[in-house]
Amino acid sequence: MWRTAFSLSTFITAVLIVAGDAASVNMSTSISDLTQEIVMSLIVNQMAILKDMNESSYLCASRDREFREIRLWKEEAKQQLQAIEDNLREKVEDAQARMQNMTEEIRDNLRGMAEDAQSRMQALEEDRQQALEERAEAQQQELERMEALQQTLEERVEALQRVNELQDAMNTLHNDTEPSQCGVGTKILHGGKGSVLSYYSFSLDCNWRVVLPSGTRPIFHLELLEERCEGCDCGFVQLSEVRGLDIKRLSRICPRDILVHGWDAYNVTTNEFLIHFENNFFTKGFHLYYESVFI
């Protein structure tokens, strides 16, 4: 661009010299006017070109400033972008850290809630198991109570039956309508009451086996036909309790003993008993009454 401007100025200078030379050789007025007109036209054109050149230079300078500004803006924008990226990276890292902390906190909370729920479920299960055990125990106790009540009712029914049987048995005497007298062997007597009798005799050995209704025991009344002997020298009555196969002998009953101690000393507690009578001298004997009573 500067080279073109230089050539144009040189051309203008040459034209002016030619115009001067033409004037100096005294060319005609028309040629001089034409030459001046051309020169002026060239000068105007050159001035326009110079103006354009100046404007172009200004534009170039403006563009260079703009380019520098653009480069500066790009640098600033790049720095700002870098700063934004760093800020965003920090925010992302901070957000990730917070999310991790929140995740761990939520996980801990969930773990705590799960453990609490599990402990509550375990406590509820233990309470339910305890309630079931208590209910089962209460039902067992109620069952035992019902069984005991049923057993009591059965025992009462059985006792009532026994009472009826005893009542019927007590109304029944042994086969003899008269007192059972001493004889050979052992006489067996049944019923709710009766008596045994021994008359005048010498050296007797009499035996009776009495079976009263179940659930009763005997009470006695003795009539001594002769009381002249001391102790048991003249004779005695021997009572024995019978429990299955076991026989328990009680104290001998002598005339004087009965008078002193009474019949409470000769208490028979079973419904089956033996009566044994012996005498060593000639005596009138005895008459023993018995009657069953409930135990």
Protein backbone atom coordinates (compact mmCIF):
# COMPACT_ATOMS: atom_id res chain seq x y z
CA MET A 1 0.00 0.00 0.00
CA TRP A 2 2.84 2.42 0.79
CA ARG A 3 4.56 1.54 -2.46
CA THR A 4 1.45 2.42 -4.46
CA ALA A 5 1.17 5.76 -2.69
CA PHE A 6 4.83 6.48 -3.41
CA SER A 7 4.43 5.78 -7.13
CA LEU A 8 1.40 8.02 -7.36
CA SER A 9 3.24 10.91 -5.69
CA THR A 10 6.15 10.44 -8.05
CA PHE A 11 3.73 10.47 -10.96
CA ILE A 12 2.13 13.66 -9.70
CA THR A 13 5.56 15.28 -9.37
CA ALA A 14 6.44 14.30 -12.91
CA VAL A 15 3.21 15.71 -14.22
CA LEU A 16 3.88 18.99 -12.46
CA ILE A 17 7.38 19.12 -14.02
CA VAL A 18 5.91 18.42 -17.42
CA ALA A 19 3.31 21.06 -16.86
CA GLY A 20 6.06 23.47 -15.88
CA ASP A 21 8.12 22.57 -18.88
CA ALA A 22 5.12 23.04 -21.11
CA ALA A 23 4.52 26.42 -19.63
CA SER A 24 8.13 27.27 -20.07
CA VAL A 25 8.05 26.46 -23.77
CA ASN A 26 5.05 28.73 -24.07
CA MET A 27 2.52 26.23 -25.25
CA SER A 28 -0.81 27.50 -26.19
CA THR A 29 -3.41 28.57 -23.70
CA SER A 30 -5.74 25.71 -24.48
CA ILE A 31 -3.05 23.15 -23.96
CA SER A 32 -2.06 24.84 -20.74
CA ASP A 33 -5.61 24.88 -19.50
CA LEU A 34 -6.03 21.25 -20.42
CA THR A 35 -2.84 20.40 -18.73
CA GLN A 36 -3.85 22.24 -15.59
CA GLU A 37 -7.20 20.53 -15.65
CA ILE A 38 -5.50 17.14 -15.93
CA VAL A 39 -3.09 18.03 -13.20
CA MET A 40 -5.85 19.15 -10.93
CA SER A 41 -7.78 15.98 -11.70
CA LEU A 42 -4.75 13.91 -10.88
CA ILE A 43 -4.22 15.85 -7.69
CA VAL A 44 -7.83 15.27 -6.67
CA ASN A 45 -7.54 11.63 -7.48
CA GLN A 46 -4.28 11.37 -5.59
CA MET A 47 -5.76 13.16 -2.64
CA ALA A 48 -8.71 10.78 -2.71
CA ILE A 49 -6.30 7.87 -2.86
CA LEU A 50 -4.33 9.28 0.03
CA LYS A 51 -7.53 9.75 1.97
CA ASP A 52 -8.49 6.21 1.25
CA MET A 53 -5.02 5.09 2.25
CA ASN A 54 -5.24 7.02 5.51
CA GLU A 55 -8.65 5.58 6.19
CA SER A 56 -7.32 2.10 5.39
CA SER A 57 -4.40 2.65 7.74
CA TYR A 58 -6.82 3.80 10.41
CA LEU A 59 -8.96 0.80 9.77
CA CYS A 60 -5.94 -1.44 9.98
CA ALA A 61 -4.89 0.11 13.23
CA SER A 62 -8.42 -0.20 14.55
CA ARG A 63 -8.51 -3.86 13.51
CA ASP A 64 -5.17 -4.46 15.19
CA ARG A 65 -6.53 -2.91 18.38
CA GLU A 66 -9.67 -4.96 17.99
CA PHE A 67 -7.62 -8.09 17.46
CA ARG A 68 -5.55 -7.31 20.54
CA GLU A 69 -8.71 -6.60 22.48
CA ILE A 70 -10.19 -9.80 21.16
CA ARG A 71 -7.09 -11.71 22.20
CA LEU A 72 -7.21 -10.04 25.60
CA TRP A 73 -10.93 -10.83 25.87
CA LYS A 74 -10.27 -14.40 24.83
CA GLU A 75 -7.52 -14.66 27.44
CA GLU A 76 -9.77 -13.11 30.04
CA ALA A 77 -12.64 -15.33 28.90
CA LYS A 78 -10.34 -18.35 29.03
CA GLN A 79 -9.22 -17.39 32.50
CA GLN A 80 -12.80 -16.81 33.54
CA LEU A 81 -13.78 -20.15 32.04
CA GLN A 82 -10.89 -21.78 33.87
CA ALA A 83 -11.96 -20.06 37.06
CA ILE A 84 -15.54 -21.17 36.44
CA GLU A 85 -14.37 -24.71 35.76
CA ASP A 86 -12.27 -24.68 38.93
CA ASN A 87 -15.19 -23.26 40.88
CA LEU A 88 -17.53 -25.83 39.37
CA ARG A 89 -15.01 -28.59 40.08
CA GLU A 90 -14.76 -27.45 43.69
CA LYS A 91 -18.53 -27.26 43.93
CA VAL A 92 -18.87 -30.70 42.38
CA GLU A 93 -16.26 -32.13 44.75
CA ASP A 94 -17.96 -30.39 47.67
CA ALA A 95 -21.35 -31.68 46.48
CA GLN A 96 -19.90 -35.18 46.11
CA ALA A 97 -18.42 -34.96 49.60
CA ARG A 98 -21.74 -33.74 50.97
CA MET A 99 -23.59 -36.46 49.08
CA GLN A 100 -21.18 -39.04 50.47
CA ASN A 101 -21.63 -37.66 53.97
CA MET A 102 -25.39 -37.58 53.50
CA THR A 103 -25.31 -41.11 52.09
CA GLU A 104 -23.29 -42.35 55.05
CA GLU A 105 -25.57 -40.48 57.44
CA ILE A 106 -28.66 -41.88 55.72
CA ARG A 107 -27.08 -45.34 55.77
CA ASP A 108 -26.32 -44.97 59.47
CA ASN A 109 -29.84 -43.74 60.12
CA LEU A 110 -31.32 -46.60 58.14
CA ARG A 111 -29.06 -49.07 59.95
CA GLY A 112 -30.12 -47.58 63.28
CA MET A 113 -33.78 -47.70 62.27
CA ALA A 114 -33.40 -51.29 61.11
CA GLU A 115 -31.69 -52.29 64.37
CA ASP A 116 -34.35 -50.45 66.38
CA ALA A 117 -37.12 -52.12 64.38
CA GLN A 118 -35.43 -55.49 64.82
CA SER A 119 -35.09 -54.97 68.56
CA ARG A 120 -38.73 -53.90 68.76
CA MET A 121 -39.79 -56.92 66.74
CA GLN A 122 -37.72 -59.13 69.02
CA ALA A 123 -39.28 -57.50 72.09
CA LEU A 124 -42.74 -57.95 70.60
CA GLU A 125 -41.94 -61.58 69.80
CA GLU A 126 -40.69 -62.13 73.35
CA ASP A 127 -43.82 -60.47 74.75
CA ARG A 128 -46.00 -62.59 72.46
CA GLN A 129 -44.12 -65.74 73.44
CA GLN A 130 -44.43 -64.83 77.11
CA ALA A 131 -48.14 -64.12 76.66
CA LEU A 132 -48.56 -67.49 74.92
CA GLU A 133 -46.67 -69.23 77.70
CA GLU A 134 -48.74 -67.45 80.35
CA ARG A 135 -51.93 -68.32 78.47
CA ALA A 136 -50.80 -71.91 78.10
CA GLU A 137 -49.93 -72.01 81.80
CA ALA A 138 -53.31 -70.50 82.68
CA GLN A 139 -55.05 -73.03 80.45
CA GLN A 140 -53.01 -75.82 82.06
CA GLN A 141 -53.98 -74.56 85.51
CA GLU A 142 -57.61 -74.31 84.43
CA LEU A 143 -57.40 -77.82 83.02
CA GLU A 144 -55.86 -79.08 86.24
CA ARG A 145 -58.56 -77.27 88.21
CA MET A 146 -61.25 -78.82 86.02
CA GLU A 147 -59.65 -82.23 86.40
CA ALA A 148 -59.46 -81.73 90.18
CA LEU A 149 -63.10 -80.62 90.17
CA GLN A 150 -64.05 -83.62 88.08
CA GLN A 151 -62.10 -85.88 90.40
CA THR A 152 -63.82 -84.25 93.39
CA LEU A 153 -67.19 -84.79 91.75
CA GLU A 154 -66.29 -88.39 90.99
CA GLU A 155 -65.13 -88.86 94.56
CA ARG A 156 -68.34 -87.31 95.82
CA VAL A 157 -70.38 -89.54 93.53
CA GLU A 158 -68.36 -92.52 94.67
CA ALA A 159 -68.77 -91.45 98.29
CA LEU A 160 -72.50 -91.08 97.74
CA GLN A 161 -72.61 -94.54 96.24
CA ARG A 162 -70.60 -95.86 99.15
CA VAL A 163 -73.00 -94.13 101.56
CA ASN A 164 -75.91 -95.79 99.81
CA GLU A 165 -74.11 -99.12 99.85
CA LEU A 166 -73.20 -98.65 103.50
CA GLN A 167 -76.73 -97.67 104.30
CA ASP A 168 -77.99 -100.81 102.63
CA ALA A 169 -75.27 -102.89 104.30
CA MET A 170 -75.90 -101.41 107.71
CA ASN A 171 -79.47 -102.44 107.38
CA THR A 172 -78.32 -106.03 106.78
CA LEU A 173 -77.19 -108.24 109.67
CA HIS A 174 -75.32 -111.51 109.45
CA ASN A 175 -77.28 -114.60 108.56
CA ASP A 176 -78.06 -115.49 112.15
CA THR A 177 -80.86 -113.53 113.68
CA GLU A 178 -79.48 -114.42 117.07
CA PRO A 179 -76.01 -113.52 118.42
CA SER A 180 -73.23 -115.61 116.90
CA GLN A 181 -72.10 -118.16 119.44
CA CYS A 182 -68.73 -119.72 119.93
CA GLY A 183 -68.18 -122.77 117.77
CA VAL A 184 -65.62 -124.86 115.93
CA GLY A 185 -63.36 -122.93 113.57
CA THR A 186 -63.68 -119.27 112.61
CA LYS A 187 -67.10 -117.82 111.92
CA ILE A 188 -67.32 -115.08 109.30
CA LEU A 189 -69.90 -112.37 109.87
CA HIS A 190 -71.07 -109.63 107.45
CA GLY A 191 -73.28 -106.63 107.87
CA GLY A 192 -73.38 -103.27 109.55
CA LYS A 193 -73.91 -104.51 113.10
CA GLY A 194 -74.12 -107.68 115.16
CA SER A 195 -72.93 -109.46 118.29
CA VAL A 196 -70.98 -112.49 119.42
CA LEU A 197 -71.76 -114.54 122.52
CA SER A 198 -69.97 -117.06 124.71
CA TYR A 199 -71.93 -118.97 127.38
CA TYR A 200 -70.94 -121.19 130.31
CA SER A 201 -68.05 -123.35 129.34
CA PHE A 202 -64.52 -124.33 130.26
CA SER A 203 -61.36 -123.92 128.22
CA LEU A 204 -62.92 -122.30 125.20
CA ASP A 205 -61.12 -121.01 122.10
CA CYS A 206 -63.55 -119.00 119.98
CA ASN A 207 -62.84 -117.03 116.76
CA TRP A 208 -64.90 -114.69 114.61
CA ARG A 209 -64.01 -112.72 111.47
CA VAL A 210 -66.24 -109.65 111.01
CA VAL A 211 -66.41 -107.72 107.72
CA LEU A 212 -68.21 -104.37 107.91
CA PRO A 213 -69.11 -102.20 104.91
CA SER A 214 -66.18 -100.40 103.28
CA GLY A 215 -65.43 -96.97 104.73
CA THR A 216 -66.62 -97.80 108.22
CA ARG A 217 -65.11 -98.92 111.51
CA PRO A 218 -66.68 -100.69 114.52
CA ILE A 219 -67.71 -99.42 117.90
CA PHE A 220 -68.19 -101.97 120.68
CA HIS A 221 -70.30 -102.68 123.72
CA LEU A 222 -69.35 -105.56 125.99
CA GLU A 223 -71.45 -107.26 128.58
CA LEU A 224 -69.38 -109.32 131.03
CA LEU A 225 -71.29 -112.22 132.38
CA GLU A 226 -68.84 -112.80 135.25
CA GLU A 227 -66.18 -110.52 136.79
CA ARG A 228 -64.80 -112.58 139.71
CA CYS A 229 -61.28 -113.01 138.28
CA GLU A 230 -58.39 -110.57 138.51
CA GLY A 231 -56.62 -109.54 135.31
CA CYS A 232 -56.87 -112.00 132.49
CA ASP A 233 -56.61 -115.17 134.60
CA CYS A 234 -60.15 -116.25 133.91
CA GLY A 235 -60.13 -115.29 130.24
CA PHE A 236 -59.82 -112.44 127.75
CA VAL A 237 -61.04 -111.07 124.44
CA GLN A 238 -58.42 -110.33 121.75
CA LEU A 239 -59.23 -107.85 118.95
CA SER A 240 -57.12 -107.61 115.76
CA GLU A 241 -57.29 -105.19 112.81
CA VAL A 242 -57.16 -106.69 109.32
CA ARG A 243 -55.68 -104.66 106.42
CA GLY A 244 -55.51 -106.90 103.41
CA LEU A 245 -53.04 -109.62 104.35
CA ASP A 246 -51.73 -107.75 107.37
CA ILE A 247 -53.17 -108.51 110.82
CA LYS A 248 -52.44 -106.19 113.72
CA ARG A 249 -53.21 -107.47 117.21
CA LEU A 250 -54.49 -104.99 119.74
CA SER A 251 -54.28 -105.26 123.51
CA ARG A 252 -56.18 -108.00 125.25
CA ILE A 253 -59.48 -107.01 126.77
CA CYS A 254 -59.84 -108.28 130.33
CA PRO A 255 -62.79 -107.65 132.62
CA ARG A 256 -60.98 -105.33 134.97
CA ASP A 257 -59.39 -103.44 132.03
CA ILE A 258 -62.76 -102.62 130.59
CA LEU A 259 -63.93 -101.33 133.90
CA VAL A 260 -60.84 -99.13 134.34
CA HIS A 261 -60.03 -97.87 130.80
CA GLY A 262 -63.28 -98.17 128.88
CA TRP A 263 -63.54 -99.01 125.19
CA ASP A 264 -61.56 -95.99 123.88
CA ALA A 265 -58.33 -97.90 124.55
CA TYR A 266 -59.42 -100.59 122.11
CA ASN A 267 -60.14 -98.54 119.03
CA VAL A 268 -60.32 -100.53 115.79
CA THR A 269 -59.82 -98.32 112.69
CA THR A 270 -60.57 -100.84 109.91
CA ASN A 271 -63.80 -102.30 108.63
CA GLU A 272 -62.50 -105.84 109.02
CA PHE A 273 -61.39 -107.27 112.33
CA LEU A 274 -60.96 -110.52 114.27
CA ILE A 275 -62.45 -111.49 117.64
CA HIS A 276 -60.71 -114.16 119.67
CA PHE A 277 -61.89 -115.39 123.07
CA GLU A 278 -60.16 -117.70 125.50
CA ASN A 279 -60.99 -118.83 129.05
CA ASN A 280 -59.08 -121.00 131.48
CA PHE A 281 -61.72 -121.60 134.15
CA PHE A 282 -65.38 -122.25 134.24
CA THR A 283 -66.93 -118.86 133.61
CA LYS A 284 -70.19 -117.57 132.36
CA GLY A 285 -68.52 -115.89 129.33
CA PHE A 286 -69.32 -112.55 127.57
CA HIS A 287 -71.60 -110.86 125.07
CA LEU A 288 -69.90 -108.40 122.61
CA TYR A 289 -71.96 -106.02 120.49
CA TYR A 290 -70.47 -104.18 117.48
CA GLU A 291 -71.87 -101.57 115.11
CA SER A 292 -70.31 -99.84 112.11
CA VAL A 293 -69.86 -96.07 111.92
CA PHE A 294 -68.40 -93.93 109.13
CA ILE A 295 -64.72 -93.24 109.30
